[in-house]
N, C-alpha and C. Protein backbone atom coordinates (compact mmCIF):
# COMPACT_ATOMS: atom_id res chain seq x y z
N UNK A 1 85.70 86.87 56.52
CA UNK A 1 86.35 88.04 55.97
C UNK A 1 87.59 88.41 56.78
N UNK A 2 87.52 88.20 58.09
CA UNK A 2 88.67 88.52 58.92
C UNK A 2 89.85 87.59 58.63
N UNK A 3 89.54 86.37 58.24
CA UNK A 3 90.61 85.42 57.90
C UNK A 3 91.30 85.87 56.62
N UNK A 4 90.54 86.31 55.63
CA UNK A 4 91.13 86.82 54.39
C UNK A 4 92.00 88.03 54.66
N UNK A 5 91.52 88.91 55.51
CA UNK A 5 92.32 90.09 55.86
C UNK A 5 93.62 89.70 56.56
N UNK A 6 93.52 88.78 57.49
CA UNK A 6 94.72 88.34 58.21
C UNK A 6 95.73 87.67 57.31
N UNK A 7 95.25 86.82 56.43
CA UNK A 7 96.16 86.14 55.49
C UNK A 7 96.78 87.16 54.54
N UNK A 8 95.99 88.09 54.07
CA UNK A 8 96.50 89.09 53.13
C UNK A 8 97.52 90.03 53.77
N UNK A 9 97.40 90.26 55.05
CA UNK A 9 98.37 91.11 55.74
C UNK A 9 99.62 90.32 56.11
N UNK A 10 99.46 89.06 56.46
CA UNK A 10 100.59 88.25 56.92
C UNK A 10 101.48 87.75 55.79
N UNK A 11 100.91 87.38 54.66
CA UNK A 11 101.70 86.77 53.59
C UNK A 11 102.80 87.67 53.01
N UNK A 12 102.59 88.97 52.80
CA UNK A 12 103.72 89.78 52.32
C UNK A 12 104.88 89.82 53.31
N UNK A 13 104.56 89.79 54.60
CA UNK A 13 105.63 89.79 55.60
C UNK A 13 106.41 88.47 55.56
N UNK A 14 105.72 87.36 55.31
CA UNK A 14 106.39 86.06 55.19
C UNK A 14 107.32 86.06 53.98
N UNK A 15 106.86 86.66 52.89
CA UNK A 15 107.69 86.74 51.70
C UNK A 15 108.94 87.58 51.95
N UNK A 16 108.79 88.68 52.67
CA UNK A 16 109.94 89.51 53.01
C UNK A 16 110.90 88.72 53.91
N UNK A 17 110.37 88.04 54.92
CA UNK A 17 111.23 87.26 55.82
C UNK A 17 111.96 86.14 55.09
N UNK A 18 111.29 85.49 54.17
CA UNK A 18 111.92 84.42 53.40
C UNK A 18 113.04 84.97 52.54
N UNK A 19 112.81 86.08 51.88
CA UNK A 19 113.83 86.65 51.00
C UNK A 19 115.01 87.20 51.80
N UNK A 20 114.74 87.96 52.84
CA UNK A 20 115.83 88.54 53.65
C UNK A 20 116.57 87.45 54.41
N UNK A 21 115.85 86.47 54.92
CA UNK A 21 116.48 85.35 55.61
C UNK A 21 117.39 84.56 54.69
N UNK A 22 116.99 84.40 53.45
CA UNK A 22 117.84 83.70 52.48
C UNK A 22 119.06 84.53 52.11
N UNK A 23 118.88 85.82 52.04
CA UNK A 23 119.99 86.69 51.65
C UNK A 23 121.09 86.71 52.71
N UNK A 24 120.72 86.69 53.97
CA UNK A 24 121.71 86.72 55.05
C UNK A 24 121.96 85.34 55.65
N UNK A 25 121.52 84.29 54.98
CA UNK A 25 121.72 82.90 55.37
C UNK A 25 121.20 82.62 56.79
N UNK A 26 120.02 83.12 57.08
CA UNK A 26 119.38 82.87 58.37
C UNK A 26 118.47 81.65 58.33
N UNK A 27 118.32 81.05 57.16
CA UNK A 27 117.41 79.92 57.00
C UNK A 27 118.17 78.59 56.99
N UNK A 28 119.45 78.62 57.27
CA UNK A 28 120.28 77.42 57.37
C UNK A 28 120.25 76.59 56.09
N UNK A 29 120.32 77.25 54.95
CA UNK A 29 120.37 76.55 53.67
C UNK A 29 119.04 76.17 53.08
N UNK A 30 117.94 76.52 53.71
CA UNK A 30 116.61 76.18 53.17
C UNK A 30 116.40 76.80 51.80
N UNK A 31 116.96 77.97 51.59
CA UNK A 31 116.78 78.66 50.31
C UNK A 31 117.51 77.96 49.17
N UNK A 32 118.47 77.11 49.47
CA UNK A 32 119.22 76.42 48.43
C UNK A 32 118.59 75.08 48.03
N UNK A 33 117.52 74.71 48.66
CA UNK A 33 116.86 73.45 48.34
C UNK A 33 115.73 73.69 47.34
N UNK A 34 115.23 72.61 46.78
CA UNK A 34 114.09 72.72 45.87
C UNK A 34 112.85 73.23 46.60
N UNK A 35 112.69 72.80 47.84
CA UNK A 35 111.53 73.24 48.62
C UNK A 35 111.59 74.74 48.90
N UNK A 36 112.77 75.26 49.16
CA UNK A 36 112.92 76.69 49.39
C UNK A 36 112.60 77.51 48.16
N UNK A 37 113.10 77.06 47.01
CA UNK A 37 112.79 77.77 45.77
C UNK A 37 111.31 77.67 45.43
N UNK A 38 110.74 76.48 45.62
CA UNK A 38 109.31 76.31 45.34
C UNK A 38 108.46 77.18 46.27
N UNK A 39 108.86 77.30 47.52
CA UNK A 39 108.14 78.15 48.47
C UNK A 39 108.21 79.61 48.04
N UNK A 40 109.40 80.06 47.65
CA UNK A 40 109.56 81.43 47.20
C UNK A 40 108.75 81.69 45.94
N UNK A 41 108.77 80.77 45.00
CA UNK A 41 108.00 80.92 43.77
C UNK A 41 106.50 80.90 44.03
N UNK A 42 106.07 80.01 44.92
CA UNK A 42 104.65 79.93 45.29
C UNK A 42 104.18 81.23 45.93
N UNK A 43 104.96 81.77 46.87
CA UNK A 43 104.59 83.03 47.51
C UNK A 43 104.69 84.20 46.54
N UNK A 44 105.63 84.14 45.62
CA UNK A 44 105.80 85.18 44.63
C UNK A 44 104.52 85.36 43.80
N UNK A 45 103.86 84.26 43.48
CA UNK A 45 102.63 84.31 42.69
C UNK A 45 101.40 84.51 43.58
N UNK A 46 101.38 83.85 44.73
CA UNK A 46 100.19 83.82 45.59
C UNK A 46 99.92 85.15 46.29
N UNK A 47 100.95 85.81 46.78
CA UNK A 47 100.76 87.01 47.60
C UNK A 47 100.05 88.13 46.84
N UNK A 48 100.51 88.53 45.65
CA UNK A 48 99.76 89.59 44.95
C UNK A 48 98.35 89.16 44.54
N UNK A 49 98.19 87.88 44.23
CA UNK A 49 96.86 87.39 43.84
C UNK A 49 95.87 87.50 44.99
N UNK A 50 96.28 87.06 46.17
CA UNK A 50 95.39 87.14 47.33
C UNK A 50 95.12 88.59 47.71
N UNK A 51 96.12 89.43 47.63
CA UNK A 51 95.91 90.84 47.96
C UNK A 51 95.01 91.53 46.94
N UNK A 52 95.09 91.14 45.68
CA UNK A 52 94.18 91.70 44.68
C UNK A 52 92.75 91.25 44.94
N UNK A 53 92.58 90.00 45.31
CA UNK A 53 91.24 89.50 45.65
C UNK A 53 90.69 90.26 46.86
N UNK A 54 91.53 90.48 47.86
CA UNK A 54 91.10 91.23 49.04
C UNK A 54 90.70 92.66 48.67
N UNK A 55 91.48 93.29 47.80
CA UNK A 55 91.16 94.65 47.38
C UNK A 55 89.81 94.71 46.67
N UNK A 56 89.56 93.77 45.78
CA UNK A 56 88.30 93.74 45.05
C UNK A 56 87.13 93.50 46.00
N UNK A 57 87.30 92.58 46.93
CA UNK A 57 86.23 92.27 47.89
C UNK A 57 85.94 93.48 48.77
N UNK A 58 86.97 94.18 49.23
CA UNK A 58 86.76 95.36 50.08
C UNK A 58 86.05 96.48 49.31
N UNK A 59 86.38 96.65 48.05
CA UNK A 59 85.70 97.67 47.25
C UNK A 59 84.22 97.32 47.08
N UNK A 60 83.94 96.06 46.81
CA UNK A 60 82.55 95.63 46.65
C UNK A 60 81.77 95.79 47.95
N UNK A 61 82.36 95.40 49.07
CA UNK A 61 81.68 95.54 50.37
C UNK A 61 81.41 97.00 50.69
N UNK A 62 82.38 97.88 50.43
CA UNK A 62 82.19 99.31 50.72
C UNK A 62 81.11 99.92 49.84
N UNK A 63 81.08 99.50 48.58
CA UNK A 63 80.06 100.04 47.67
C UNK A 63 78.67 99.58 48.08
N UNK A 64 78.54 98.32 48.46
CA UNK A 64 77.24 97.81 48.90
C UNK A 64 76.78 98.47 50.19
N UNK A 65 77.70 98.69 51.11
CA UNK A 65 77.33 99.35 52.37
C UNK A 65 76.91 100.79 52.12
N UNK A 66 77.57 101.45 51.19
CA UNK A 66 77.21 102.83 50.88
C UNK A 66 75.84 102.91 50.22
N UNK A 67 75.50 101.94 49.38
CA UNK A 67 74.19 101.94 48.72
C UNK A 67 73.07 101.63 49.70
N UNK A 68 73.33 100.73 50.63
CA UNK A 68 72.29 100.34 51.59
C UNK A 68 71.95 101.46 52.57
N UNK A 69 72.94 102.20 52.99
CA UNK A 69 72.72 103.19 54.04
C UNK A 69 72.66 104.62 53.52
N UNK A 70 72.70 104.80 52.23
CA UNK A 70 72.64 106.13 51.61
C UNK A 70 73.65 107.09 52.24
N UNK A 71 74.87 106.66 52.26
CA UNK A 71 75.93 107.52 52.78
C UNK A 71 77.14 107.39 51.87
N UNK A 72 78.17 108.14 52.20
CA UNK A 72 79.38 108.10 51.38
C UNK A 72 80.12 106.78 51.59
N UNK A 73 80.86 106.41 50.58
CA UNK A 73 81.63 105.17 50.64
C UNK A 73 82.86 105.37 51.51
N UNK A 74 83.13 104.41 52.37
CA UNK A 74 84.30 104.46 53.24
C UNK A 74 85.51 103.95 52.47
N UNK A 75 86.61 104.67 52.58
CA UNK A 75 87.84 104.28 51.89
C UNK A 75 88.89 103.72 52.83
N UNK A 76 88.54 103.45 54.09
CA UNK A 76 89.52 102.98 55.05
C UNK A 76 90.02 101.57 54.73
N UNK A 77 89.13 100.60 54.67
CA UNK A 77 89.54 99.23 54.39
C UNK A 77 89.98 99.02 52.94
N UNK A 78 89.33 99.63 51.94
CA UNK A 78 89.90 99.52 50.59
C UNK A 78 91.28 100.17 50.47
N UNK A 79 91.49 101.24 51.22
CA UNK A 79 92.81 101.88 51.22
C UNK A 79 93.87 100.99 51.85
N UNK A 80 93.49 100.32 52.94
CA UNK A 80 94.42 99.38 53.58
C UNK A 80 94.73 98.21 52.65
N UNK A 81 93.71 97.72 51.96
CA UNK A 81 93.92 96.62 51.00
C UNK A 81 94.79 97.08 49.84
N UNK A 82 94.60 98.30 49.38
CA UNK A 82 95.43 98.84 48.31
C UNK A 82 96.88 98.98 48.76
N UNK A 83 97.09 99.41 50.00
CA UNK A 83 98.44 99.54 50.54
C UNK A 83 99.16 98.19 50.54
N UNK A 84 98.50 97.15 51.01
CA UNK A 84 99.14 95.83 51.06
C UNK A 84 99.29 95.23 49.67
N UNK A 85 98.40 95.54 48.74
CA UNK A 85 98.56 95.09 47.36
C UNK A 85 99.79 95.73 46.73
N UNK A 86 99.94 97.04 46.93
CA UNK A 86 101.12 97.73 46.40
C UNK A 86 102.39 97.23 47.07
N UNK A 87 102.32 96.93 48.36
CA UNK A 87 103.47 96.36 49.05
C UNK A 87 103.86 95.02 48.44
N UNK A 88 102.89 94.18 48.15
CA UNK A 88 103.17 92.87 47.55
C UNK A 88 103.79 93.03 46.17
N UNK A 89 103.29 93.98 45.39
CA UNK A 89 103.87 94.21 44.07
C UNK A 89 105.29 94.73 44.16
N UNK A 90 105.56 95.62 45.11
CA UNK A 90 106.91 96.14 45.28
C UNK A 90 107.88 95.07 45.76
N UNK A 91 107.43 94.19 46.63
CA UNK A 91 108.27 93.08 47.08
C UNK A 91 108.60 92.16 45.91
N UNK A 92 107.61 91.86 45.09
CA UNK A 92 107.85 91.02 43.92
C UNK A 92 108.82 91.70 42.95
N UNK A 93 108.65 92.98 42.75
CA UNK A 93 109.56 93.72 41.88
C UNK A 93 110.98 93.70 42.43
N UNK A 94 111.12 93.85 43.74
CA UNK A 94 112.42 93.82 44.39
C UNK A 94 113.08 92.45 44.22
N UNK A 95 112.30 91.40 44.35
CA UNK A 95 112.84 90.05 44.17
C UNK A 95 113.24 89.85 42.71
N UNK A 96 112.45 90.36 41.79
CA UNK A 96 112.81 90.26 40.37
C UNK A 96 114.11 90.99 40.05
N UNK A 97 114.35 92.10 40.71
CA UNK A 97 115.59 92.83 40.49
C UNK A 97 116.81 92.04 40.95
N UNK A 98 116.64 91.17 41.93
CA UNK A 98 117.75 90.39 42.46
C UNK A 98 117.86 89.00 41.84
N UNK A 99 116.97 88.69 40.92
CA UNK A 99 117.01 87.37 40.28
C UNK A 99 118.19 87.31 39.32
N UNK A 100 118.86 86.21 39.37
CA UNK A 100 120.00 86.00 38.47
C UNK A 100 119.61 84.97 37.44
N UNK A 101 120.06 85.19 36.26
CA UNK A 101 119.76 84.23 35.18
C UNK A 101 120.63 83.00 35.30
């Protein structure tokens, strides 16, 4: 579970670095190659998907823990997962706004 959390937190930052690095030409032309575009497209689809999976898993874990211990459901980790999911969606929306036909 810690690996999923780490990947879900790290991948949106990689997508931001790839996009900003390409915009200011910090990637030495990597963004102009097929591999650069494929990487951006792969992350564009993968990042929100992984964050959505993480959000669903955190909600399920919190609900099960609340049922087992007869206490209130904790919203800390599902809230963190929701934050990173919304961040991934906003990054994708920002990239879509800058896409040229």
